[in-house]
Amino acid sequence: ALHARRPDLAWGTPERVSGERPTEMGDAVTALQELAD
């Protein structure tokens, strides 16, 4: 449902990150969301 309503978002587009500190999945998604914003 979400994909059908917002197909304009960058679904599945890879993001280049180079950090050394491991990030939990929720925090990593938050970081990628903020990068997109």
PDB file of all heavy atoms in Angstrom:
ATOM      1  N   ALA A   1       0.828  -1.212   0.000  1.00  0.00           N
ATOM      2  CA  ALA A   1       0.000   0.000   0.000  1.00  0.00           C
ATOM      3  C   ALA A   1       0.858   1.257   0.000  1.00  0.00           C
ATOM      4  O   ALA A   1       0.577   2.225  -0.720  1.00  0.00           O
ATOM      5  CB  ALA A   1      -0.934  -0.006   1.208  1.00  0.00           C
ATOM      6  N   LEU A   2       1.934   1.260   0.786  1.00  0.00           N
ATOM      7  CA  LEU A   2       2.792   2.439   0.858  1.00  0.00           C
ATOM      8  C   LEU A   2       3.516   2.670  -0.465  1.00  0.00           C
ATOM      9  O   LEU A   2       3.660   3.810  -0.919  1.00  0.00           O
ATOM     10  CB  LEU A   2       3.802   2.286   1.998  1.00  0.00           C
ATOM     11  CG  LEU A   2       3.218   2.234   3.413  1.00  0.00           C
ATOM     12  CD1 LEU A   2       4.325   1.985   4.435  1.00  0.00           C
ATOM     13  CD2 LEU A   2       2.482   3.521   3.749  1.00  0.00           C
ATOM     14  N   HIS A   3       3.993   1.594  -1.070  1.00  0.00           N
ATOM     15  CA  HIS A   3       4.700   1.741  -2.349  1.00  0.00           C
ATOM     16  C   HIS A   3       3.757   2.255  -3.429  1.00  0.00           C
ATOM     17  O   HIS A   3       4.150   3.085  -4.279  1.00  0.00           O
ATOM     18  CB  HIS A   3       5.290   0.398  -2.769  1.00  0.00           C
ATOM     19  CG  HIS A   3       6.309   0.505  -3.863  1.00  0.00           C
ATOM     20  ND1 HIS A   3       5.960   0.718  -5.178  1.00  0.00           N
ATOM     21  CD2 HIS A   3       7.672   0.446  -3.843  1.00  0.00           C
ATOM     22  CE1 HIS A   3       7.046   0.779  -5.931  1.00  0.00           C
ATOM     23  NE2 HIS A   3       8.103   0.622  -5.142  1.00  0.00           N
ATOM     24  N   ALA A   4       2.503   1.820  -3.407  1.00  0.00           N
ATOM     25  CA  ALA A   4       1.542   2.277  -4.405  1.00  0.00           C
ATOM     26  C   ALA A   4       1.208   3.752  -4.226  1.00  0.00           C
ATOM     27  O   ALA A   4       0.957   4.460  -5.205  1.00  0.00           O
ATOM     28  CB  ALA A   4       0.270   1.439  -4.324  1.00  0.00           C
ATOM     29  N   ARG A   5       1.220   4.220  -2.978  1.00  0.00           N
ATOM     30  CA  ARG A   5       0.868   5.616  -2.715  1.00  0.00           C
ATOM     31  C   ARG A   5       2.041   6.560  -2.936  1.00  0.00           C
ATOM     32  O   ARG A   5       1.833   7.735  -3.238  1.00  0.00           O
ATOM     33  CB  ARG A   5       0.360   5.764  -1.274  1.00  0.00           C
ATOM     34  CG  ARG A   5      -1.049   5.202  -1.078  1.00  0.00           C
ATOM     35  CD  ARG A   5      -1.401   5.150   0.401  1.00  0.00           C
ATOM     36  NE  ARG A   5      -2.774   4.706   0.600  1.00  0.00           N
ATOM     37  CZ  ARG A   5      -3.807   5.499   0.836  1.00  0.00           C
ATOM     38  NH1 ARG A   5      -3.631   6.798   0.894  1.00  0.00           N
ATOM     39  NH2 ARG A   5      -5.010   5.002   1.020  1.00  0.00           N
ATOM     40  N   ARG A   6       3.273   6.101  -2.751  1.00  0.00           N
ATOM     41  CA  ARG A   6       4.442   6.974  -2.901  1.00  0.00           C
ATOM     42  C   ARG A   6       5.483   6.330  -3.807  1.00  0.00           C
ATOM     43  O   ARG A   6       6.607   6.047  -3.386  1.00  0.00           O
ATOM     44  CB  ARG A   6       5.051   7.287  -1.530  1.00  0.00           C
ATOM     45  CG  ARG A   6       4.206   8.177  -0.639  1.00  0.00           C
ATOM     46  CD  ARG A   6       3.965   9.551  -1.253  1.00  0.00           C
ATOM     47  NE  ARG A   6       5.191  10.186  -1.655  1.00  0.00           N
ATOM     48  CZ  ARG A   6       5.951  10.918  -0.833  1.00  0.00           C
ATOM     49  NH1 ARG A   6       5.572  11.107   0.420  1.00  0.00           N
ATOM     50  NH2 ARG A   6       7.052  11.476  -1.270  1.00  0.00           N
ATOM     51  N   PRO A   7       5.135   6.084  -5.071  1.00  0.00           N
ATOM     52  CA  PRO A   7       6.130   5.476  -5.973  1.00  0.00           C
ATOM     53  C   PRO A   7       7.280   6.419  -6.308  1.00  0.00           C
ATOM     54  O   PRO A   7       8.280   5.991  -6.879  1.00  0.00           O
ATOM     55  CB  PRO A   7       5.297   5.147  -7.222  1.00  0.00           C
ATOM     56  CG  PRO A   7       4.174   6.133  -7.196  1.00  0.00           C
ATOM     57  CD  PRO A   7       3.864   6.350  -5.747  1.00  0.00           C
ATOM     58  N   ASP A   8       7.135   7.709  -5.966  1.00  0.00           N
ATOM     59  CA  ASP A   8       8.166   8.690  -6.288  1.00  0.00           C
ATOM     60  C   ASP A   8       9.384   8.587  -5.395  1.00  0.00           C
ATOM     61  O   ASP A   8      10.429   9.160  -5.710  1.00  0.00           O
ATOM     62  CB  ASP A   8       7.586  10.107  -6.164  1.00  0.00           C
ATOM     63  CG  ASP A   8       6.993  10.366  -4.792  1.00  0.00           C
ATOM     64  OD1 ASP A   8       6.054   9.635  -4.404  1.00  0.00           O
ATOM     65  OD2 ASP A   8       7.451  11.301  -4.103  1.00  0.00           O
ATOM     66  N   LEU A   9       9.267   7.884  -4.272  1.00  0.00           N
ATOM     67  CA  LEU A   9      10.396   7.772  -3.362  1.00  0.00           C
ATOM     68  C   LEU A   9      11.465   6.846  -3.937  1.00  0.00           C
ATOM     69  O   LEU A   9      11.187   6.011  -4.796  1.00  0.00           O
ATOM     70  CB  LEU A   9       9.927   7.251  -1.999  1.00  0.00           C
ATOM     71  CG  LEU A   9       8.950   8.152  -1.240  1.00  0.00           C
ATOM     72  CD1 LEU A   9       8.492   7.477   0.049  1.00  0.00           C
ATOM     73  CD2 LEU A   9       9.585   9.493  -0.918  1.00  0.00           C
ATOM     74  N   ALA A  10      12.681   6.998  -3.435  1.00  0.00           N
ATOM     75  CA  ALA A  10      13.809   6.204  -3.948  1.00  0.00           C
ATOM     76  C   ALA A  10      13.801   4.829  -3.295  1.00  0.00           C
ATOM     77  O   ALA A  10      14.613   4.522  -2.425  1.00  0.00           O
ATOM     78  CB  ALA A  10      15.124   6.934  -3.678  1.00  0.00           C
ATOM     79  N   TRP A  11      12.876   3.976  -3.717  1.00  0.00           N
ATOM     80  CA  TRP A  11      12.796   2.614  -3.186  1.00  0.00           C
ATOM     81  C   TRP A  11      13.934   1.785  -3.784  1.00  0.00           C
ATOM     82  O   TRP A  11      14.079   1.689  -4.985  1.00  0.00           O
ATOM     83  CB  TRP A  11      11.463   1.967  -3.541  1.00  0.00           C
ATOM     84  CG  TRP A  11      10.262   2.684  -3.002  1.00  0.00           C
ATOM     85  CD1 TRP A  11       9.664   3.775  -3.529  1.00  0.00           C
ATOM     86  CD2 TRP A  11       9.531   2.351  -1.825  1.00  0.00           C
ATOM     87  NE1 TRP A  11       8.593   4.150  -2.763  1.00  0.00           N
ATOM     88  CE2 TRP A  11       8.481   3.295  -1.700  1.00  0.00           C
ATOM     89  CE3 TRP A  11       9.640   1.353  -0.860  1.00  0.00           C
ATOM     90  CZ2 TRP A  11       7.567   3.269  -0.660  1.00  0.00           C
ATOM     91  CZ3 TRP A  11       8.731   1.313   0.175  1.00  0.00           C
ATOM     92  CH2 TRP A  11       7.709   2.255   0.278  1.00  0.00           C
ATOM     93  N   GLY A  12      14.736   1.182  -2.915  1.00  0.00           N
ATOM     94  CA  GLY A  12      15.763   0.267  -3.390  1.00  0.00           C
ATOM     95  C   GLY A  12      16.992   0.909  -3.983  1.00  0.00           C
ATOM     96  O   GLY A  12      17.825   0.215  -4.566  1.00  0.00           O
ATOM     97  N   THR A  13      17.135   2.233  -3.853  1.00  0.00           N
ATOM     98  CA  THR A  13      18.334   2.904  -4.364  1.00  0.00           C
ATOM     99  C   THR A  13      19.448   2.821  -3.321  1.00  0.00           C
ATOM    100  O   THR A  13      19.264   3.259  -2.185  1.00  0.00           O
ATOM    101  CB  THR A  13      18.046   4.378  -4.676  1.00  0.00           C
ATOM    102  OG1 THR A  13      16.974   4.459  -5.613  1.00  0.00           O
ATOM    103  CG2 THR A  13      19.276   5.058  -5.240  1.00  0.00           C
ATOM    104  N   PRO A  14      20.608   2.243  -3.649  1.00  0.00           N
ATOM    105  CA  PRO A  14      21.669   2.119  -2.640  1.00  0.00           C
ATOM    106  C   PRO A  14      22.228   3.473  -2.226  1.00  0.00           C
ATOM    107  O   PRO A  14      22.226   4.431  -2.997  1.00  0.00           O
ATOM    108  CB  PRO A  14      22.730   1.265  -3.342  1.00  0.00           C
ATOM    109  CG  PRO A  14      22.461   1.438  -4.804  1.00  0.00           C
ATOM    110  CD  PRO A  14      20.989   1.653  -4.937  1.00  0.00           C
ATOM    111  N   GLU A  15      22.700   3.542  -0.999  1.00  0.00           N
ATOM    112  CA  GLU A  15      23.299   4.753  -0.438  1.00  0.00           C
ATOM    113  C   GLU A  15      24.722   4.430  -0.012  1.00  0.00           C
ATOM    114  O   GLU A  15      24.973   3.383   0.605  1.00  0.00           O
ATOM    115  CB  GLU A  15      22.484   5.222   0.763  1.00  0.00           C
ATOM    116  CG  GLU A  15      22.932   6.540   1.360  1.00  0.00           C
ATOM    117  CD  GLU A  15      22.504   7.726   0.515  1.00  0.00           C
ATOM    118  OE1 GLU A  15      21.307   7.853   0.231  1.00  0.00           O
ATOM    119  OE2 GLU A  15      23.392   8.519   0.149  1.00  0.00           O
ATOM    120  N   ARG A  16      25.649   5.316  -0.344  1.00  0.00           N
ATOM    121  CA  ARG A  16      27.050   5.081   0.020  1.00  0.00           C
ATOM    122  C   ARG A  16      27.336   5.647   1.405  1.00  0.00           C
ATOM    123  O   ARG A  16      27.155   6.841   1.636  1.00  0.00           O
ATOM    124  CB  ARG A  16      27.975   5.724  -0.999  1.00  0.00           C
ATOM    125  CG  ARG A  16      27.920   5.072  -2.373  1.00  0.00           C
ATOM    126  CD  ARG A  16      28.936   5.711  -3.307  1.00  0.00           C
ATOM    127  NE  ARG A  16      28.663   7.127  -3.486  1.00  0.00           N
ATOM    128  CZ  ARG A  16      29.461   7.980  -4.125  1.00  0.00           C
ATOM    129  NH1 ARG A  16      30.602   7.537  -4.623  1.00  0.00           N
ATOM    130  NH2 ARG A  16      29.142   9.242  -4.254  1.00  0.00           N
ATOM    131  N   VAL A  17      27.742   4.784   2.309  1.00  0.00           N
ATOM    132  CA  VAL A  17      28.144   5.208   3.648  1.00  0.00           C
ATOM    133  C   VAL A  17      29.499   4.581   3.939  1.00  0.00           C
ATOM    134  O   VAL A  17      29.854   3.530   3.402  1.00  0.00           O
ATOM    135  CB  VAL A  17      27.111   4.792   4.714  1.00  0.00           C
ATOM    136  CG1 VAL A  17      25.800   5.525   4.509  1.00  0.00           C
ATOM    137  CG2 VAL A  17      26.869   3.301   4.695  1.00  0.00           C
ATOM    138  N   SER A  18      30.261   5.222   4.808  1.00  0.00           N
ATOM    139  CA  SER A  18      31.635   4.759   5.055  1.00  0.00           C
ATOM    140  C   SER A  18      31.993   4.791   6.530  1.00  0.00           C
ATOM    141  O   SER A  18      33.155   4.932   6.883  1.00  0.00           O
ATOM    142  CB  SER A  18      32.617   5.634   4.270  1.00  0.00           C
ATOM    143  OG  SER A  18      32.464   7.009   4.641  1.00  0.00           O
ATOM    144  N   GLY A  19      30.987   4.676   7.400  1.00  0.00           N
ATOM    145  CA  GLY A  19      31.263   4.743   8.829  1.00  0.00           C
ATOM    146  C   GLY A  19      31.959   3.500   9.350  1.00  0.00           C
ATOM    147  O   GLY A  19      31.879   2.416   8.761  1.00  0.00           O
ATOM    148  N   GLU A  20      32.624   3.646  10.467  1.00  0.00           N
ATOM    149  CA  GLU A  20      33.312   2.528  11.116  1.00  0.00           C
ATOM    150  C   GLU A  20      32.525   1.990  12.297  1.00  0.00           C
ATOM    151  O   GLU A  20      32.707   0.848  12.707  1.00  0.00           O
ATOM    152  CB  GLU A  20      34.705   2.973  11.591  1.00  0.00           C
ATOM    153  CG  GLU A  20      35.640   3.393  10.464  1.00  0.00           C
ATOM    154  CD  GLU A  20      35.989   2.232   9.559  1.00  0.00           C
ATOM    155  OE1 GLU A  20      35.977   1.078  10.047  1.00  0.00           O
ATOM    156  OE2 GLU A  20      36.254   2.465   8.370  1.00  0.00           O
ATOM    157  N   ARG A  21      31.633   2.801  12.857  1.00  0.00           N
ATOM    158  CA  ARG A  21      30.883   2.377  14.047  1.00  0.00           C
ATOM    159  C   ARG A  21      29.630   1.632  13.616  1.00  0.00           C
ATOM    160  O   ARG A  21      28.809   2.162  12.894  1.00  0.00           O
ATOM    161  CB  ARG A  21      30.507   3.601  14.889  1.00  0.00           C
ATOM    162  CG  ARG A  21      29.713   3.276  16.137  1.00  0.00           C
ATOM    163  CD  ARG A  21      29.464   4.549  16.935  1.00  0.00           C
ATOM    164  NE  ARG A  21      28.762   5.546  16.146  1.00  0.00           N
ATOM    165  CZ  ARG A  21      27.433   5.581  16.023  1.00  0.00           C
ATOM    166  NH1 ARG A  21      26.681   4.671  16.616  1.00  0.00           N
ATOM    167  NH2 ARG A  21      26.861   6.527  15.294  1.00  0.00           N
ATOM    168  N   PRO A  22      29.466   0.382  14.070  1.00  0.00           N
ATOM    169  CA  PRO A  22      28.261  -0.372  13.706  1.00  0.00           C
ATOM    170  C   PRO A  22      27.010   0.332  14.217  1.00  0.00           C
ATOM    171  O   PRO A  22      26.981   0.844  15.332  1.00  0.00           O
ATOM    172  CB  PRO A  22      28.463  -1.729  14.387  1.00  0.00           C
ATOM    173  CG  PRO A  22      29.927  -1.811  14.681  1.00  0.00           C
ATOM    174  CD  PRO A  22      30.386  -0.412  14.912  1.00  0.00           C
ATOM    175  N   THR A  23      25.973   0.352  13.400  1.00  0.00           N
ATOM    176  CA  THR A  23      24.732   1.037  13.735  1.00  0.00           C
ATOM    177  C   THR A  23      23.596   0.030  13.711  1.00  0.00           C
ATOM    178  O   THR A  23      23.485  -0.769  12.777  1.00  0.00           O
ATOM    179  CB  THR A  23      24.444   2.161  12.724  1.00  0.00           C
ATOM    180  OG1 THR A  23      25.595   2.997  12.618  1.00  0.00           O
ATOM    181  CG2 THR A  23      23.260   2.993  13.168  1.00  0.00           C
ATOM    182  N   GLU A  24      22.753   0.065  14.748  1.00  0.00           N
ATOM    183  CA  GLU A  24      21.602  -0.825  14.791  1.00  0.00           C
ATOM    184  C   GLU A  24      20.673  -0.543  13.611  1.00  0.00           C
ATOM    185  O   GLU A  24      20.663   0.554  13.047  1.00  0.00           O
ATOM    186  CB  GLU A  24      20.846  -0.648  16.105  1.00  0.00           C
ATOM    187  CG  GLU A  24      21.658  -0.975  17.353  1.00  0.00           C
ATOM    188  CD  GLU A  24      21.932  -2.473  17.494  1.00  0.00           C
ATOM    189  OE1 GLU A  24      21.507  -3.240  16.611  1.00  0.00           O
ATOM    190  OE2 GLU A  24      22.578  -2.874  18.471  1.00  0.00           O
ATOM    191  N   MET A  25      19.875  -1.535  13.272  1.00  0.00           N
ATOM    192  CA  MET A  25      19.053  -1.443  12.076  1.00  0.00           C
ATOM    193  C   MET A  25      18.097  -0.255  12.126  1.00  0.00           C
ATOM    194  O   MET A  25      17.964   0.495  11.153  1.00  0.00           O
ATOM    195  CB  MET A  25      18.273  -2.746  11.898  1.00  0.00           C
ATOM    196  CG  MET A  25      17.465  -2.802  10.614  1.00  0.00           C
ATOM    197  SD  MET A  25      16.654  -4.399  10.422  1.00  0.00           S
ATOM    198  CE  MET A  25      15.756  -4.132   8.906  1.00  0.00           C
ATOM    199  N   GLY A  26      17.417  -0.057  13.252  1.00  0.00           N
ATOM    200  CA  GLY A  26      16.496   1.075  13.364  1.00  0.00           C
ATOM    201  C   GLY A  26      17.201   2.402  13.203  1.00  0.00           C
ATOM    202  O   GLY A  26      16.713   3.300  12.502  1.00  0.00           O
ATOM    203  N   ASP A  27      18.366   2.519  13.843  1.00  0.00           N
ATOM    204  CA  ASP A  27      19.130   3.767  13.725  1.00  0.00           C
ATOM    205  C   ASP A  27      19.685   3.949  12.314  1.00  0.00           C
ATOM    206  O   ASP A  27      19.762   5.078  11.806  1.00  0.00           O
ATOM    207  CB  ASP A  27      20.276   3.775  14.738  1.00  0.00           C
ATOM    208  CG  ASP A  27      19.779   3.827  16.171  1.00  0.00           C
ATOM    209  OD1 ASP A  27      18.649   4.307  16.383  1.00  0.00           O
ATOM    210  OD2 ASP A  27      20.505   3.375  17.071  1.00  0.00           O
ATOM    211  N   ALA A  28      20.082   2.843  11.681  1.00  0.00           N
ATOM    212  CA  ALA A  28      20.586   2.936  10.314  1.00  0.00           C
ATOM    213  C   ALA A  28      19.484   3.391   9.355  1.00  0.00           C
ATOM    214  O   ALA A  28      19.718   4.218   8.468  1.00  0.00           O
ATOM    215  CB  ALA A  28      21.144   1.583   9.873  1.00  0.00           C
ATOM    216  N   VAL A  29      18.265   2.862   9.537  1.00  0.00           N
ATOM    217  CA  VAL A  29      17.148   3.298   8.702  1.00  0.00           C
ATOM    218  C   VAL A  29      16.861   4.774   8.944  1.00  0.00           C
ATOM    219  O   VAL A  29      16.587   5.540   8.012  1.00  0.00           O
ATOM    220  CB  VAL A  29      15.895   2.436   8.976  1.00  0.00           C
ATOM    221  CG1 VAL A  29      14.662   3.038   8.308  1.00  0.00           C
ATOM    222  CG2 VAL A  29      16.122   1.021   8.474  1.00  0.00           C
ATOM    223  N   THR A  30      16.927   5.209  10.211  1.00  0.00           N
ATOM    224  CA  THR A  30      16.723   6.627  10.520  1.00  0.00           C
ATOM    225  C   THR A  30      17.773   7.488   9.822  1.00  0.00           C
ATOM    226  O   THR A  30      17.455   8.551   9.266  1.00  0.00           O
ATOM    227  CB  THR A  30      16.791   6.855  12.033  1.00  0.00           C
ATOM    228  OG1 THR A  30      15.747   6.100  12.673  1.00  0.00           O
ATOM    229  CG2 THR A  30      16.606   8.322  12.379  1.00  0.00           C
ATOM    230  N   ALA A  31      19.024   7.016   9.828  1.00  0.00           N
ATOM    231  CA  ALA A  31      20.087   7.770   9.168  1.00  0.00           C
ATOM    232  C   ALA A  31      19.849   7.843   7.658  1.00  0.00           C
ATOM    233  O   ALA A  31      20.008   8.908   7.044  1.00  0.00           O
ATOM    234  CB  ALA A  31      21.439   7.129   9.463  1.00  0.00           C
ATOM    235  N   LEU A  32      19.439   6.730   7.043  1.00  0.00           N
ATOM    236  CA  LEU A  32      19.177   6.739   5.604  1.00  0.00           C
ATOM    237  C   LEU A  32      17.964   7.596   5.267  1.00  0.00           C
ATOM    238  O   LEU A  32      17.930   8.272   4.229  1.00  0.00           O
ATOM    239  CB  LEU A  32      18.965   5.312   5.103  1.00  0.00           C
ATOM    240  CG  LEU A  32      20.185   4.390   5.142  1.00  0.00           C
ATOM    241  CD1 LEU A  32      19.846   3.018   4.581  1.00  0.00           C
ATOM    242  CD2 LEU A  32      21.348   4.992   4.368  1.00  0.00           C
ATOM    243  N   GLN A  33      16.960   7.575   6.137  1.00  0.00           N
ATOM    244  CA  GLN A  33      15.791   8.434   5.923  1.00  0.00           C
ATOM    245  C   GLN A  33      16.187   9.902   5.998  1.00  0.00           C
ATOM    246  O   GLN A  33      15.748  10.724   5.192  1.00  0.00           O
ATOM    247  CB  GLN A  33      14.726   8.111   6.973  1.00  0.00           C
ATOM    248  CG  GLN A  33      13.438   8.890   6.814  1.00  0.00           C
ATOM    249  CD  GLN A  33      12.412   8.516   7.872  1.00  0.00           C
ATOM    250  OE1 GLN A  33      12.529   7.501   8.551  1.00  0.00           O
ATOM    251  NE2 GLN A  33      11.403   9.345   8.020  1.00  0.00           N
ATOM    252  N   GLU A  34      17.035  10.229   6.964  1.00  0.00           N
ATOM    253  CA  GLU A  34      17.491  11.613   7.085  1.00  0.00           C
ATOM    254  C   GLU A  34      18.359  12.004   5.896  1.00  0.00           C
ATOM    255  O   GLU A  34      18.270  13.136   5.402  1.00  0.00           O
ATOM    256  CB  GLU A  34      18.270  11.789   8.388  1.00  0.00           C
ATOM    257  CG  GLU A  34      18.628  13.236   8.679  1.00  0.00           C
ATOM    258  CD  GLU A  34      19.303  13.430  10.023  1.00  0.00           C
ATOM    259  OE1 GLU A  34      19.354  12.463  10.817  1.00  0.00           O
ATOM    260  OE2 GLU A  34      19.801  14.551  10.278  1.00  0.00           O
ATOM    261  N   LEU A  35      19.181  11.070   5.400  1.00  0.00           N
ATOM    262  CA  LEU A  35      19.994  11.362   4.213  1.00  0.00           C
ATOM    263  C   LEU A  35      19.112  11.666   3.005  1.00  0.00           C
ATOM    264  O   LEU A  35      19.399  12.579   2.220  1.00  0.00           O
ATOM    265  CB  LEU A  35      20.911  10.176   3.911  1.00  0.00           C
ATOM    266  CG  LEU A  35      22.202  10.072   4.728  1.00  0.00           C
ATOM    267  CD1 LEU A  35      22.892   8.745   4.463  1.00  0.00           C
ATOM    268  CD2 LEU A  35      23.139  11.227   4.414  1.00  0.00           C
ATOM    269  N   ALA A  36      18.019  10.894   2.857  1.00  0.00           N
ATOM    270  CA  ALA A  36      17.103  11.155   1.737  1.00  0.00           C
ATOM    271  C   ALA A  36      16.430  12.512   1.895  1.00  0.00           C
ATOM    272  O   ALA A  36      16.292  13.270   0.928  1.00  0.00           O
ATOM    273  CB  ALA A  36      16.060  10.046   1.653  1.00  0.00           C
ATOM    274  N   ASP A  37      15.994  12.828   3.122  1.00  0.00           N
ATOM    275  CA  ASP A  37      15.369  14.138   3.366  1.00  0.00           C
ATOM    276  C   ASP A  37      16.350  15.267   3.093  1.00  0.00           C
ATOM    277  O   ASP A  37      15.990  16.300   2.513  1.00  0.00           O
ATOM    278  CB  ASP A  37      14.858  14.214   4.804  1.00  0.00           C
ATOM    279  CG  ASP A  37      13.681  13.280   5.054  1.00  0.00           C
ATOM    280  OD1 ASP A  37      13.086  12.801   4.072  1.00  0.00           O
ATOM    281  OD2 ASP A  37      13.369  13.019   6.231  1.00  0.00           O
TER     282      ASP A  37
END
